[in-house]
Amino acid sequence: MLGFWIPLFASMIVCAVLVVTKSKHLKFTGAGDETSAVQASHTVPTPRIGGVAVMAGLVTGALIGLIQGHTMYLVLLLTGLPMFLTGLGEDMFRHISTKIRYLATVVSAAIAIWATGIWITTADSYGLEWAFALPPLAILITLFVVASFCHAFNLIDGLNGLASGTGILIAAGLAGVAVQSGQQEIVNMCMVTAVSIAGFFIFNFPFGRIFLGDGGAYIIGYMLTWIGLVILHLEPATSTWALFLVFFWPLADTLFAIYRRLSRGVRLDTADRLHFHQVVLRGLEIFFLGRNKRSTANPLATSVLLPVIAVPVFTGVYLWNNPLASFLALMFFGFAFVLSYRIGVRAAQARLRRPGIKQENTTRVLPAE
């Protein structure tokens, strides 16, 4: 257990240092104009290099694992450096395009495939199995999956504690799958990841003293996705649909964002305030809190969402080796996600149209139905 406390403390100490000294580096780590960005959910300039603290915990845990004779975690962490450093560069200097960051993620994933010899070889689907029987095509799909999940974590990083809390839940879910499939080293990898994120979470939720930034979101998504792929590689009986359930929230939010932007005729990388968590945030303000309560609505929205996010995660753990039931559960949660989103949006719009409710510009916040 001592091996898990050390990464936690490493992450916490780096976070504490970054928060206490923010006046010294805020010019580079938290530009003030971000509070007015279309996707912003905070009101005070804040350091957005919390990924450095998470990385400190991950590196510490990887080195402890190396001392114990386990190399896989350190190898995966090292392969993620091109992606992490590119994301950190965006956090500090800005203007690194989404395409370059996506490419850096693909490069990291390609290095990981070369270093480990692991890629997706099954899909629990007779219609797609032929694709995974062809290594070049399977590798391309693996690169796409890893890069996409990394960016999915970046998309859900919009509220205090949401991305990090989701990461902790997914790490716990993967640990549950690993326990059932008898993979103790993977359980340790999950625990190191969870406590490294937790060290940051303490400073991010509820008050948002520091943010993950792109580097932090990417490295969390990267390590969790690769842990899932390693589980699938070591225990083929694991259902890929069950793993999709464990990763349901970033997956659903990203796919729905793609659909939403395509239907509106805008670029896929266009920032907006129409993600599920932002609709929940605005719903809390419209129905309960009123305007100018963002500092309360932000962590409250996370508190509402995390229990919801946990349900498909632990459903995936329960159905870890049952492909058909996992697939049906995935379809159910997908339907529930879209339906609840649309109901929430329409209810908020109806509320704003009621007499006596002060109108405000909601075109950037709530989509037209």
Protein backbone atom coordinates (compact mmCIF):
# COMPACT_ATOMS: atom_id res chain seq x y z
CA MET A 1 0.00 0.00 0.00
CA LEU A 2 2.94 2.34 0.60
CA GLY A 3 3.59 2.23 -3.15
CA PHE A 4 0.23 3.92 -3.74
CA TRP A 5 0.62 6.61 -1.07
CA ILE A 6 3.85 7.87 -2.59
CA PRO A 7 2.38 8.75 -6.05
CA LEU A 8 -0.56 10.40 -4.28
CA PHE A 9 1.73 12.59 -2.21
CA ALA A 10 3.91 13.39 -5.22
CA SER A 11 0.88 14.64 -7.16
CA MET A 12 -0.43 16.59 -4.16
CA ILE A 13 2.91 18.25 -3.42
CA VAL A 14 3.41 19.41 -7.01
CA CYS A 15 -0.16 20.73 -7.09
CA ALA A 16 0.36 22.59 -3.83
CA VAL A 17 3.55 24.19 -5.13
CA LEU A 18 1.88 25.26 -8.38
CA VAL A 19 -1.10 26.75 -6.53
CA VAL A 20 0.95 28.60 -3.90
CA THR A 21 3.33 30.06 -6.51
CA LYS A 22 0.72 30.82 -9.18
CA SER A 23 1.42 34.56 -9.10
CA LYS A 24 4.92 33.76 -10.36
CA HIS A 25 3.86 31.72 -13.38
CA LEU A 26 0.21 32.61 -14.09
CA LYS A 27 1.24 34.73 -17.08
CA PHE A 28 2.27 31.53 -18.84
CA THR A 29 0.04 28.95 -17.21
CA GLY A 30 -3.37 30.64 -17.05
CA ALA A 31 -4.13 33.49 -19.43
CA GLY A 32 -6.86 35.78 -18.12
CA ASP A 33 -8.73 35.91 -21.41
CA GLU A 34 -9.66 32.24 -21.01
CA THR A 35 -12.43 33.23 -18.61
CA SER A 36 -14.29 34.76 -21.54
CA ALA A 37 -13.74 31.83 -23.91
CA VAL A 38 -16.92 30.33 -25.30
CA GLN A 39 -16.35 27.03 -23.47
CA ALA A 40 -15.19 28.54 -20.16
CA SER A 41 -16.97 27.56 -16.94
CA HIS A 42 -14.77 29.55 -14.55
CA THR A 43 -14.45 33.23 -13.74
CA VAL A 44 -10.94 33.64 -12.27
CA PRO A 45 -7.62 33.16 -14.12
CA THR A 46 -6.27 29.81 -12.97
CA PRO A 47 -3.13 27.75 -13.69
CA ARG A 48 -3.92 25.05 -16.23
CA ILE A 49 -0.84 22.88 -15.86
CA GLY A 50 -2.25 20.42 -13.34
CA GLY A 51 -1.11 17.74 -15.76
CA VAL A 52 2.41 18.30 -14.42
CA ALA A 53 1.23 17.17 -10.99
CA VAL A 54 -0.57 14.14 -12.41
CA MET A 55 2.54 13.24 -14.39
CA ALA A 56 4.65 13.54 -11.22
CA GLY A 57 2.43 10.95 -9.54
CA LEU A 58 2.45 8.66 -12.59
CA VAL A 59 6.25 8.80 -12.92
CA THR A 60 6.70 8.10 -9.22
CA GLY A 61 4.38 5.11 -9.40
CA ALA A 62 6.08 3.83 -12.55
CA LEU A 63 9.50 4.00 -10.92
CA ILE A 64 8.22 2.12 -7.88
CA GLY A 65 6.84 -0.51 -10.25
CA LEU A 66 10.21 -0.71 -11.99
CA ILE A 67 11.92 -1.37 -8.66
CA GLN A 68 9.42 -4.19 -8.09
CA GLY A 69 10.24 -5.66 -11.50
CA HIS A 70 7.26 -4.31 -13.48
CA THR A 71 8.20 -2.40 -16.63
CA MET A 72 4.98 -2.09 -18.64
CA TYR A 73 3.67 1.03 -16.91
CA LEU A 74 6.92 2.94 -17.30
CA VAL A 75 7.14 1.94 -20.97
CA LEU A 76 3.62 3.21 -21.64
CA LEU A 77 4.31 6.43 -19.76
CA LEU A 78 7.48 7.10 -21.74
CA THR A 79 5.70 6.52 -25.04
CA GLY A 80 3.16 9.16 -24.03
CA LEU A 81 5.77 11.92 -23.73
CA PRO A 82 5.38 13.35 -27.28
CA MET A 83 1.66 13.77 -26.68
CA PHE A 84 2.01 15.08 -23.13
CA LEU A 85 4.67 17.64 -24.03
CA THR A 86 2.64 18.87 -27.00
CA GLY A 87 -0.41 19.28 -24.77
CA LEU A 88 1.67 21.02 -22.12
CA GLY A 89 3.03 23.33 -24.81
CA GLU A 90 -0.53 24.31 -25.70
CA ASP A 91 -1.28 24.90 -22.02
CA MET A 92 1.66 27.25 -21.60
CA PHE A 93 2.20 28.92 -24.97
CA ARG A 94 -1.12 28.41 -26.84
CA HIS A 95 -1.68 28.29 -30.58
CA ILE A 96 -0.71 24.63 -31.06
CA SER A 97 -3.43 23.48 -33.43
CA THR A 98 -5.79 20.61 -32.71
CA LYS A 99 -4.37 18.75 -35.72
CA ILE A 100 -0.83 18.90 -34.35
CA ARG A 101 -1.97 17.76 -30.92
CA TYR A 102 -3.94 14.90 -32.48
CA LEU A 103 -0.90 13.94 -34.56
CA ALA A 104 1.28 13.94 -31.44
CA THR A 105 -1.19 11.54 -29.82
CA VAL A 106 -1.03 9.26 -32.86
CA VAL A 107 2.78 9.35 -32.72
CA SER A 108 2.75 8.37 -29.04
CA ALA A 109 0.31 5.54 -29.73
CA ALA A 110 2.45 4.30 -32.62
CA ILE A 111 5.54 4.25 -30.40
CA ALA A 112 3.57 2.32 -27.76
CA ILE A 113 2.47 -0.27 -30.33
CA TRP A 114 6.09 -0.66 -31.46
CA ALA A 115 7.39 -0.90 -27.88
CA THR A 116 4.77 -3.32 -26.55
CA GLY A 117 3.58 -5.23 -29.59
CA ILE A 118 0.01 -4.66 -28.44
CA TRP A 119 -2.91 -3.52 -30.57
CA ILE A 120 -6.62 -4.30 -30.80
CA THR A 121 -7.19 -7.79 -32.21
CA THR A 122 -10.88 -8.34 -31.52
CA ALA A 123 -14.12 -6.38 -31.58
CA ASP A 124 -16.75 -8.83 -30.27
CA SER A 125 -18.47 -8.40 -33.62
CA TYR A 126 -18.64 -10.88 -36.46
CA GLY A 127 -19.04 -8.00 -38.90
CA LEU A 128 -15.72 -6.40 -37.87
CA GLU A 129 -13.51 -9.34 -36.91
CA TRP A 130 -12.06 -9.49 -40.42
CA ALA A 131 -10.58 -6.00 -39.96
CA PHE A 132 -8.72 -7.02 -36.81
CA ALA A 133 -7.36 -10.13 -38.51
CA LEU A 134 -5.31 -7.81 -40.75
CA PRO A 135 -2.50 -6.33 -38.58
CA PRO A 136 -1.96 -3.12 -40.64
CA LEU A 137 -5.67 -2.27 -40.48
CA ALA A 138 -5.93 -3.29 -36.83
CA ILE A 139 -2.99 -1.05 -35.97
CA LEU A 140 -4.58 1.90 -37.77
CA ILE A 141 -7.80 1.34 -35.84
CA THR A 142 -5.82 1.16 -32.59
CA LEU A 143 -4.09 4.46 -33.37
CA PHE A 144 -7.47 6.07 -34.03
CA VAL A 145 -9.01 4.66 -30.84
CA VAL A 146 -6.15 5.80 -28.58
CA ALA A 147 -5.94 9.29 -30.10
CA SER A 148 -9.70 9.74 -30.01
CA PHE A 149 -10.07 8.73 -26.36
CA CYS A 150 -7.26 11.09 -25.36
CA HIS A 151 -9.09 13.98 -27.01
CA ALA A 152 -12.38 12.78 -25.55
CA PHE A 153 -10.96 13.35 -22.07
CA ASN A 154 -9.98 16.85 -23.13
CA LEU A 155 -13.56 17.53 -24.25
CA ILE A 156 -15.09 16.57 -20.90
CA ASP A 157 -12.59 18.72 -19.01
CA GLY A 158 -15.03 21.57 -18.54
CA LEU A 159 -16.00 21.56 -14.85
CA ASN A 160 -14.08 21.35 -11.60
CA GLY A 161 -13.40 17.69 -10.92
CA LEU A 162 -15.28 16.30 -13.92
CA ALA A 163 -12.44 14.94 -16.07
CA SER A 164 -10.32 13.93 -13.08
CA GLY A 165 -13.29 12.39 -11.26
CA THR A 166 -14.23 10.49 -14.40
CA GLY A 167 -10.63 9.32 -14.72
CA ILE A 168 -10.65 7.99 -11.16
CA LEU A 169 -13.93 6.15 -11.80
CA ILE A 170 -12.60 4.60 -15.01
CA ALA A 171 -9.37 3.57 -13.29
CA ALA A 172 -11.45 1.90 -10.58
CA GLY A 173 -13.56 0.20 -13.23
CA LEU A 174 -10.50 -1.13 -15.06
CA ALA A 175 -9.12 -2.36 -11.75
CA GLY A 176 -12.38 -4.23 -11.19
CA VAL A 177 -12.07 -5.92 -14.58
CA ALA A 178 -8.42 -6.76 -13.92
CA VAL A 179 -9.26 -8.31 -10.55
CA GLN A 180 -11.85 -10.59 -12.15
CA SER A 181 -9.43 -11.61 -14.91
CA GLY A 182 -6.59 -12.22 -12.43
CA GLN A 183 -4.21 -9.48 -13.61
CA GLN A 184 -2.58 -8.13 -10.43
CA GLU A 185 -0.01 -5.98 -12.25
CA ILE A 186 -2.84 -4.25 -14.10
CA VAL A 187 -4.64 -3.65 -10.80
CA ASN A 188 -1.49 -1.91 -9.54
CA MET A 189 -1.31 0.20 -12.72
CA CYS A 190 -4.92 1.25 -12.22
CA MET A 191 -4.31 2.16 -8.59
CA VAL A 192 -1.25 4.27 -9.44
CA THR A 193 -3.25 6.08 -12.10
CA ALA A 194 -6.19 6.66 -9.75
CA VAL A 195 -4.14 8.06 -6.85
CA SER A 196 -2.05 10.25 -9.18
CA ILE A 197 -5.27 11.79 -10.48
CA ALA A 198 -6.66 12.02 -6.93
CA GLY A 199 -3.73 14.17 -5.84
CA PHE A 200 -4.80 16.70 -8.45
CA PHE A 201 -8.54 16.23 -7.79
CA ILE A 202 -8.15 17.47 -4.22
CA PHE A 203 -6.97 20.87 -5.50
CA ASN A 204 -9.33 21.01 -8.48
CA PHE A 205 -12.61 20.12 -6.77
CA PRO A 206 -14.65 21.95 -5.65
CA PHE A 207 -12.87 25.30 -5.86
CA GLY A 208 -10.82 24.93 -9.04
CA ARG A 209 -7.47 26.12 -7.68
CA ILE A 210 -5.72 24.48 -10.64
CA PHE A 211 -6.86 22.91 -13.92
CA LEU A 212 -5.69 19.81 -15.81
CA GLY A 213 -4.99 21.54 -19.09
CA ASP A 214 -4.57 19.65 -22.34
CA GLY A 215 -1.44 17.85 -21.15
CA GLY A 216 -3.21 16.50 -18.08
CA ALA A 217 -6.36 15.43 -19.92
CA TYR A 218 -4.31 13.75 -22.64
CA ILE A 219 -2.05 11.76 -20.33
CA ILE A 220 -5.00 10.56 -18.25
CA GLY A 221 -6.90 9.46 -21.34
CA TYR A 222 -3.76 7.90 -22.81
CA MET A 223 -2.79 5.82 -19.78
CA LEU A 224 -6.34 4.64 -19.11
CA THR A 225 -6.91 3.68 -22.74
CA TRP A 226 -3.66 1.72 -22.87
CA ILE A 227 -4.48 -0.05 -19.61
CA GLY A 228 -7.74 -1.11 -21.22
CA LEU A 229 -5.90 -2.38 -24.31
CA VAL A 230 -3.40 -4.30 -22.15
CA ILE A 231 -6.30 -5.95 -20.28
CA LEU A 232 -7.86 -6.96 -23.59
CA HIS A 233 -4.50 -8.30 -24.81
CA LEU A 234 -3.77 -10.36 -21.69
CA GLU A 235 -7.31 -11.68 -21.23
CA PRO A 236 -9.10 -12.10 -24.60
CA ALA A 237 -12.26 -13.19 -22.76
CA THR A 238 -12.73 -9.54 -21.78
CA SER A 239 -15.54 -7.99 -23.79
CA THR A 240 -14.62 -4.91 -25.82
CA TRP A 241 -18.22 -3.72 -25.34
CA ALA A 242 -17.72 -3.94 -21.57
CA LEU A 243 -14.61 -1.76 -21.88
CA PHE A 244 -16.63 0.74 -23.93
CA LEU A 245 -19.07 0.81 -21.01
CA VAL A 246 -16.22 1.60 -18.62
CA PHE A 247 -15.21 4.48 -20.92
CA PHE A 248 -18.81 5.38 -21.70
CA TRP A 249 -18.94 9.04 -20.67
CA PRO A 250 -16.03 10.45 -22.71
CA LEU A 251 -17.09 8.19 -25.60
CA ALA A 252 -20.72 9.33 -25.57
CA ASP A 253 -19.91 13.01 -25.10
CA THR A 254 -17.43 12.99 -28.00
CA LEU A 255 -19.66 11.09 -30.42
CA PHE A 256 -22.60 13.34 -29.62
CA ALA A 257 -20.42 16.44 -30.02
CA ILE A 258 -19.39 15.21 -33.48
CA TYR A 259 -23.03 14.64 -34.43
CA ARG A 260 -24.06 18.01 -33.00
CA ARG A 261 -21.41 19.94 -34.91
CA LEU A 262 -22.00 18.09 -38.17
CA SER A 263 -25.74 18.78 -37.92
CA ARG A 264 -25.00 22.49 -37.35
CA GLY A 265 -22.58 22.60 -40.27
CA VAL A 266 -19.56 23.76 -38.22
CA ARG A 267 -16.02 22.40 -37.98
CA LEU A 268 -15.51 19.47 -35.66
CA ASP A 269 -12.90 21.37 -33.63
CA THR A 270 -15.19 24.38 -33.07
CA ALA A 271 -15.45 25.17 -29.35
CA ASP A 272 -18.94 25.48 -27.90
CA ARG A 273 -20.88 25.32 -24.64
CA LEU A 274 -23.19 22.53 -25.65
CA HIS A 275 -21.59 19.53 -23.98
CA PHE A 276 -23.73 17.54 -21.58
CA HIS A 277 -21.92 18.90 -18.53
CA GLN A 278 -22.43 22.48 -19.72
CA VAL A 279 -26.16 21.89 -20.19
CA VAL A 280 -26.32 20.52 -16.64
CA LEU A 281 -24.40 23.56 -15.40
CA ARG A 282 -26.78 25.97 -17.13
CA GLY A 283 -29.79 23.95 -15.98
CA LEU A 284 -28.74 24.33 -12.36
CA GLU A 285 -28.40 28.08 -12.86
CA ILE A 286 -31.72 28.44 -14.68
CA PHE A 287 -33.83 26.26 -12.38
CA PHE A 288 -32.24 26.62 -8.96
CA LEU A 289 -29.34 29.01 -8.48
CA GLY A 290 -29.94 32.02 -10.71
CA ARG A 291 -27.38 34.12 -12.51
CA ASN A 292 -23.90 34.94 -11.19
CA LYS A 293 -23.69 31.67 -9.25
CA ARG A 294 -21.09 30.00 -11.45
CA SER A 295 -18.74 29.26 -8.56
CA THR A 296 -21.52 27.19 -6.95
CA ALA A 297 -23.04 25.72 -10.09
CA ASN A 298 -19.69 24.47 -11.41
CA PRO A 299 -18.82 21.95 -8.66
CA LEU A 300 -22.49 21.18 -8.06
CA ALA A 301 -22.86 20.07 -11.68
CA THR A 302 -19.89 17.74 -11.20
CA SER A 303 -21.48 16.35 -8.03
CA VAL A 304 -24.64 15.61 -10.01
CA LEU A 305 -22.80 14.01 -12.92
CA LEU A 306 -20.20 11.77 -11.26
CA PRO A 307 -22.75 9.31 -9.80
CA VAL A 308 -24.39 9.14 -13.24
CA ILE A 309 -21.01 8.52 -14.88
CA ALA A 310 -20.29 5.74 -12.38
CA VAL A 311 -23.32 3.66 -13.42
CA PRO A 312 -22.11 2.50 -16.88
CA VAL A 313 -18.56 2.13 -15.50
CA PHE A 314 -19.60 -0.44 -12.94
CA THR A 315 -22.07 -2.03 -15.33
CA GLY A 316 -19.07 -2.71 -17.56
CA VAL A 317 -17.22 -4.24 -14.62
CA TYR A 318 -20.16 -6.52 -13.85
CA LEU A 319 -20.52 -7.58 -17.50
CA TRP A 320 -16.78 -7.72 -18.18
CA ASN A 321 -16.89 -11.04 -20.09
CA ASN A 322 -20.43 -10.92 -21.47
CA PRO A 323 -20.32 -9.39 -24.97
CA LEU A 324 -24.04 -9.51 -25.78
CA ALA A 325 -25.23 -8.07 -22.47
CA SER A 326 -22.49 -5.43 -22.63
CA PHE A 327 -23.54 -4.41 -26.12
CA LEU A 328 -27.20 -4.12 -25.12
CA ALA A 329 -26.25 -2.10 -22.03
CA LEU A 330 -24.11 0.20 -24.18
CA MET A 331 -27.06 0.83 -26.52
CA PHE A 332 -29.32 1.53 -23.54
CA PHE A 333 -26.95 4.03 -21.96
CA GLY A 334 -26.39 5.69 -25.34
CA PHE A 335 -30.14 6.13 -25.80
CA ALA A 336 -30.50 7.44 -22.24
CA PHE A 337 -27.65 9.90 -22.80
CA VAL A 338 -29.21 11.45 -25.90
CA LEU A 339 -32.76 11.44 -24.51
CA SER A 340 -31.79 13.08 -21.21
CA TYR A 341 -29.72 15.68 -23.05
CA ARG A 342 -32.63 16.67 -25.27
CA ILE A 343 -35.11 16.68 -22.39
CA GLY A 344 -32.78 18.88 -20.35
CA VAL A 345 -32.27 21.36 -23.18
CA ARG A 346 -35.97 21.67 -23.93
CA ALA A 347 -36.87 22.06 -20.27
CA ALA A 348 -34.29 24.85 -19.87
CA GLN A 349 -35.50 26.62 -23.00
CA ALA A 350 -39.11 26.40 -21.82
CA ARG A 351 -38.11 27.81 -18.45
CA LEU A 352 -36.34 30.77 -20.07
CA ARG A 353 -39.45 31.58 -22.12
CA ARG A 354 -41.67 31.83 -19.07
CA PRO A 355 -42.91 35.33 -18.16
CA GLY A 356 -40.88 36.91 -15.39
CA ILE A 357 -37.71 34.97 -16.17
CA LYS A 358 -34.94 37.39 -17.08
CA GLN A 359 -33.74 36.64 -20.57
CA GLU A 360 -30.08 36.40 -21.49
CA ASN A 361 -28.12 35.42 -24.54
CA THR A 362 -28.47 31.63 -24.60
CA THR A 363 -27.66 30.98 -28.23
CA ARG A 364 -24.13 29.94 -27.27
CA VAL A 365 -25.34 27.86 -24.34
CA LEU A 366 -28.46 25.98 -25.38
CA PRO A 367 -28.90 24.62 -28.92
CA ALA A 368 -32.02 25.27 -30.91
CA GLU A 369 -34.28 22.23 -31.17
